[in-house]
Amino acid sequence: MDEVLQTLWKTIEDRKANPKAGSYTASLFEAGLPRIAQKVGEEAVETAVAALSEGDDRVVYEMADLVYHCMVLLAAKGLAWCDIEAELARRFK
């Protein structure tokens, strides 16, 4: 896993295990899976809209939001980014 993704993953896992007041990530875990899934959907739509009608900077910005929320969803489900990597590797064998 890339160093940035590794650091982000550790932070997400920490906020799940040790919620901190004022943490957006902790607030997502507190809100629960339905809210986290909703955010993934929202960010996916925003990414698609940006790809079709906005500049590359906006696409990158929205994609970063999507990846972050996907990682929160994985953590909420007890899964990990390495599960995604393993599935991608399986598909390309």
N, C-alpha and C. Protein backbone atom coordinates (compact mmCIF):
# COMPACT_ATOMS: atom_id res chain seq x y z
N MET A 1 0.85 -1.18 0.00
CA MET A 1 0.00 0.00 0.00
C MET A 1 0.89 1.24 0.00
N ASP A 2 0.52 2.22 -0.77
CA ASP A 2 1.21 3.50 -0.83
C ASP A 2 1.30 4.13 0.56
N GLU A 3 2.35 4.87 0.81
CA GLU A 3 2.56 5.49 2.13
C GLU A 3 1.41 6.41 2.54
N VAL A 4 0.90 7.20 1.61
CA VAL A 4 -0.20 8.10 1.92
C VAL A 4 -1.45 7.30 2.29
N LEU A 5 -1.74 6.27 1.51
CA LEU A 5 -2.91 5.44 1.82
C LEU A 5 -2.72 4.71 3.14
N GLN A 6 -1.51 4.28 3.41
CA GLN A 6 -1.22 3.60 4.68
C GLN A 6 -1.46 4.52 5.87
N THR A 7 -1.00 5.75 5.76
CA THR A 7 -1.20 6.73 6.83
C THR A 7 -2.68 7.03 7.00
N LEU A 8 -3.38 7.21 5.89
CA LEU A 8 -4.82 7.46 5.95
C LEU A 8 -5.53 6.28 6.59
N TRP A 9 -5.17 5.07 6.19
CA TRP A 9 -5.81 3.87 6.75
C TRP A 9 -5.59 3.80 8.26
N LYS A 10 -4.38 4.05 8.70
CA LYS A 10 -4.09 4.03 10.14
C LYS A 10 -4.92 5.07 10.89
N THR A 11 -5.08 6.24 10.29
CA THR A 11 -5.89 7.28 10.92
C THR A 11 -7.35 6.87 11.00
N ILE A 12 -7.87 6.30 9.92
CA ILE A 12 -9.26 5.83 9.91
C ILE A 12 -9.47 4.77 10.99
N GLU A 13 -8.58 3.80 11.03
CA GLU A 13 -8.68 2.74 12.04
C GLU A 13 -8.59 3.31 13.47
N ASP A 14 -7.72 4.29 13.66
CA ASP A 14 -7.58 4.93 14.97
C ASP A 14 -8.86 5.65 15.38
N ARG A 15 -9.47 6.36 14.43
CA ARG A 15 -10.71 7.08 14.74
C ARG A 15 -11.86 6.11 15.03
N LYS A 16 -11.81 4.96 14.41
CA LYS A 16 -12.82 3.93 14.68
C LYS A 16 -12.64 3.38 16.10
N ALA A 17 -11.41 3.09 16.47
CA ALA A 17 -11.12 2.51 17.78
C ALA A 17 -11.11 3.54 18.90
N ASN A 18 -10.71 4.76 18.57
CA ASN A 18 -10.55 5.83 19.57
C ASN A 18 -11.19 7.11 19.06
N PRO A 19 -12.52 7.17 19.05
CA PRO A 19 -13.19 8.36 18.51
C PRO A 19 -12.72 9.63 19.22
N LYS A 20 -12.49 10.66 18.43
CA LYS A 20 -12.07 11.95 18.98
C LYS A 20 -13.14 12.99 18.66
N ALA A 21 -13.46 13.81 19.63
CA ALA A 21 -14.44 14.87 19.43
C ALA A 21 -13.99 15.77 18.29
N GLY A 22 -14.91 16.10 17.42
CA GLY A 22 -14.61 16.99 16.31
C GLY A 22 -14.03 16.30 15.09
N SER A 23 -13.80 15.00 15.17
CA SER A 23 -13.25 14.26 14.03
C SER A 23 -14.38 13.88 13.07
N TYR A 24 -14.22 14.28 11.81
CA TYR A 24 -15.22 13.93 10.80
C TYR A 24 -15.30 12.42 10.65
N THR A 25 -14.15 11.75 10.65
CA THR A 25 -14.13 10.29 10.49
C THR A 25 -14.87 9.63 11.64
N ALA A 26 -14.61 10.06 12.86
CA ALA A 26 -15.30 9.50 14.02
C ALA A 26 -16.80 9.74 13.91
N SER A 27 -17.20 10.92 13.40
CA SER A 27 -18.63 11.21 13.27
C SER A 27 -19.29 10.28 12.25
N LEU A 28 -18.55 9.90 11.22
CA LEU A 28 -19.10 8.94 10.25
C LEU A 28 -19.33 7.59 10.91
N PHE A 29 -18.35 7.12 11.67
CA PHE A 29 -18.52 5.84 12.36
C PHE A 29 -19.70 5.91 13.34
N GLU A 30 -19.84 7.03 14.01
CA GLU A 30 -20.94 7.19 14.96
C GLU A 30 -22.28 7.17 14.25
N ALA A 31 -22.34 7.77 13.06
CA ALA A 31 -23.59 7.82 12.30
C ALA A 31 -23.98 6.45 11.77
N GLY A 32 -22.99 5.60 11.55
CA GLY A 32 -23.28 4.23 11.15
C GLY A 32 -23.17 3.96 9.66
N LEU A 33 -23.30 2.69 9.34
CA LEU A 33 -23.12 2.21 7.98
C LEU A 33 -24.04 2.88 6.95
N PRO A 34 -25.33 3.10 7.26
CA PRO A 34 -26.17 3.76 6.25
C PRO A 34 -25.63 5.14 5.83
N ARG A 35 -25.16 5.92 6.77
CA ARG A 35 -24.62 7.25 6.45
C ARG A 35 -23.31 7.12 5.67
N ILE A 36 -22.47 6.19 6.07
CA ILE A 36 -21.19 5.99 5.36
C ILE A 36 -21.46 5.56 3.92
N ALA A 37 -22.37 4.64 3.73
CA ALA A 37 -22.72 4.19 2.38
C ALA A 37 -23.31 5.33 1.56
N GLN A 38 -24.12 6.16 2.18
CA GLN A 38 -24.69 7.33 1.51
C GLN A 38 -23.57 8.26 1.03
N LYS A 39 -22.57 8.48 1.87
CA LYS A 39 -21.46 9.36 1.49
C LYS A 39 -20.67 8.77 0.32
N VAL A 40 -20.48 7.46 0.30
CA VAL A 40 -19.80 6.82 -0.83
C VAL A 40 -20.59 7.09 -2.11
N GLY A 41 -21.90 6.93 -2.04
CA GLY A 41 -22.74 7.19 -3.21
C GLY A 41 -22.67 8.64 -3.65
N GLU A 42 -22.74 9.55 -2.71
CA GLU A 42 -22.65 10.98 -3.04
C GLU A 42 -21.33 11.31 -3.72
N GLU A 43 -20.25 10.80 -3.16
CA GLU A 43 -18.93 11.11 -3.72
C GLU A 43 -18.74 10.46 -5.09
N ALA A 44 -19.33 9.29 -5.29
CA ALA A 44 -19.25 8.65 -6.61
C ALA A 44 -19.96 9.49 -7.66
N VAL A 45 -21.14 10.01 -7.31
CA VAL A 45 -21.87 10.87 -8.24
C VAL A 45 -21.08 12.15 -8.51
N GLU A 46 -20.53 12.76 -7.46
CA GLU A 46 -19.76 13.98 -7.64
C GLU A 46 -18.53 13.73 -8.52
N THR A 47 -17.92 12.57 -8.38
CA THR A 47 -16.77 12.22 -9.22
C THR A 47 -17.20 12.09 -10.68
N ALA A 48 -18.32 11.42 -10.92
CA ALA A 48 -18.81 11.25 -12.29
C ALA A 48 -19.17 12.59 -12.91
N VAL A 49 -19.83 13.44 -12.16
CA VAL A 49 -20.20 14.76 -12.66
C VAL A 49 -18.95 15.57 -12.99
N ALA A 50 -17.97 15.53 -12.11
CA ALA A 50 -16.72 16.26 -12.36
C ALA A 50 -16.03 15.74 -13.62
N ALA A 51 -16.05 14.43 -13.81
CA ALA A 51 -15.41 13.85 -14.99
C ALA A 51 -16.07 14.34 -16.29
N LEU A 52 -17.35 14.57 -16.23
CA LEU A 52 -18.09 14.95 -17.43
C LEU A 52 -18.14 16.45 -17.69
N SER A 53 -18.00 17.24 -16.63
CA SER A 53 -18.25 18.66 -16.84
C SER A 53 -17.30 19.62 -16.13
N GLU A 54 -16.25 19.09 -15.50
CA GLU A 54 -15.34 19.97 -14.77
C GLU A 54 -13.89 19.63 -15.14
N GLY A 55 -12.98 20.42 -14.64
CA GLY A 55 -11.57 20.24 -14.95
C GLY A 55 -10.94 19.07 -14.21
N ASP A 56 -9.75 18.74 -14.63
CA ASP A 56 -9.02 17.62 -14.03
C ASP A 56 -8.77 17.81 -12.54
N ASP A 57 -8.50 19.03 -12.12
CA ASP A 57 -8.27 19.28 -10.69
C ASP A 57 -9.48 18.87 -9.87
N ARG A 58 -10.66 19.18 -10.39
CA ARG A 58 -11.89 18.83 -9.67
C ARG A 58 -12.11 17.32 -9.67
N VAL A 59 -11.78 16.65 -10.76
CA VAL A 59 -11.89 15.19 -10.81
C VAL A 59 -11.00 14.57 -9.74
N VAL A 60 -9.76 15.04 -9.65
CA VAL A 60 -8.83 14.52 -8.65
C VAL A 60 -9.36 14.78 -7.24
N TYR A 61 -9.88 15.97 -7.00
CA TYR A 61 -10.42 16.34 -5.69
C TYR A 61 -11.57 15.40 -5.30
N GLU A 62 -12.50 15.22 -6.22
CA GLU A 62 -13.66 14.37 -5.93
C GLU A 62 -13.26 12.90 -5.79
N MET A 63 -12.31 12.46 -6.61
CA MET A 63 -11.85 11.08 -6.51
C MET A 63 -11.17 10.82 -5.17
N ALA A 64 -10.43 11.80 -4.67
CA ALA A 64 -9.81 11.66 -3.35
C ALA A 64 -10.88 11.52 -2.27
N ASP A 65 -11.95 12.32 -2.38
CA ASP A 65 -13.05 12.19 -1.43
C ASP A 65 -13.68 10.80 -1.52
N LEU A 66 -13.85 10.30 -2.74
CA LEU A 66 -14.45 8.98 -2.94
C LEU A 66 -13.58 7.88 -2.33
N VAL A 67 -12.28 7.94 -2.58
CA VAL A 67 -11.37 6.92 -2.02
C VAL A 67 -11.42 6.95 -0.50
N TYR A 68 -11.37 8.15 0.08
CA TYR A 68 -11.44 8.28 1.54
C TYR A 68 -12.72 7.63 2.08
N HIS A 69 -13.86 7.99 1.51
CA HIS A 69 -15.12 7.44 2.02
C HIS A 69 -15.22 5.93 1.78
N CYS A 70 -14.65 5.44 0.69
CA CYS A 70 -14.60 3.99 0.47
C CYS A 70 -13.76 3.31 1.56
N MET A 71 -12.68 3.93 1.94
CA MET A 71 -11.84 3.35 2.99
C MET A 71 -12.58 3.34 4.33
N VAL A 72 -13.33 4.39 4.62
CA VAL A 72 -14.14 4.41 5.84
C VAL A 72 -15.17 3.29 5.80
N LEU A 73 -15.79 3.09 4.64
CA LEU A 73 -16.77 2.01 4.49
C LEU A 73 -16.13 0.65 4.73
N LEU A 74 -14.94 0.44 4.16
CA LEU A 74 -14.23 -0.82 4.39
C LEU A 74 -14.00 -1.05 5.88
N ALA A 75 -13.51 -0.02 6.56
CA ALA A 75 -13.24 -0.14 8.00
C ALA A 75 -14.52 -0.42 8.78
N ALA A 76 -15.60 0.24 8.40
CA ALA A 76 -16.88 0.02 9.08
C ALA A 76 -17.36 -1.41 8.93
N LYS A 77 -17.03 -2.03 7.79
CA LYS A 77 -17.44 -3.41 7.53
C LYS A 77 -16.43 -4.43 8.05
N GLY A 78 -15.34 -3.96 8.67
CA GLY A 78 -14.32 -4.89 9.17
C GLY A 78 -13.44 -5.42 8.07
N LEU A 79 -13.41 -4.72 6.94
CA LEU A 79 -12.56 -5.09 5.82
C LEU A 79 -11.36 -4.15 5.79
N ALA A 80 -10.44 -4.38 4.86
CA ALA A 80 -9.24 -3.55 4.77
C ALA A 80 -8.91 -3.28 3.32
N TRP A 81 -8.11 -2.25 3.08
CA TRP A 81 -7.68 -1.90 1.73
C TRP A 81 -6.97 -3.08 1.06
N CYS A 82 -6.26 -3.87 1.85
CA CYS A 82 -5.57 -5.03 1.27
C CYS A 82 -6.55 -6.04 0.68
N ASP A 83 -7.79 -6.05 1.15
CA ASP A 83 -8.81 -6.91 0.56
C ASP A 83 -9.11 -6.46 -0.87
N ILE A 84 -9.11 -5.16 -1.10
CA ILE A 84 -9.32 -4.62 -2.44
C ILE A 84 -8.13 -4.96 -3.33
N GLU A 85 -6.93 -4.77 -2.78
CA GLU A 85 -5.72 -5.11 -3.54
C GLU A 85 -5.70 -6.59 -3.92
N ALA A 86 -6.10 -7.44 -2.99
CA ALA A 86 -6.12 -8.88 -3.26
C ALA A 86 -7.14 -9.22 -4.35
N GLU A 87 -8.30 -8.57 -4.33
CA GLU A 87 -9.31 -8.82 -5.36
C GLU A 87 -8.82 -8.35 -6.73
N LEU A 88 -8.18 -7.19 -6.77
CA LEU A 88 -7.64 -6.70 -8.04
C LEU A 88 -6.55 -7.64 -8.56
N ALA A 89 -5.70 -8.11 -7.67
CA ALA A 89 -4.64 -9.05 -8.07
C ALA A 89 -5.25 -10.34 -8.61
N ARG A 90 -6.31 -10.82 -7.95
CA ARG A 90 -6.99 -12.04 -8.39
C ARG A 90 -7.53 -11.86 -9.82
N ARG A 91 -8.06 -10.69 -10.09
CA ARG A 91 -8.65 -10.43 -11.41
C ARG A 91 -7.62 -10.35 -12.52
N PHE A 92 -6.39 -10.02 -12.19
CA PHE A 92 -5.36 -9.84 -13.21
C PHE A 92 -4.36 -10.97 -13.27
N LYS A 93 -4.71 -12.12 -12.71
CA LYS A 93 -3.82 -13.28 -12.78
C LYS A 93 -4.09 -14.05 -14.05
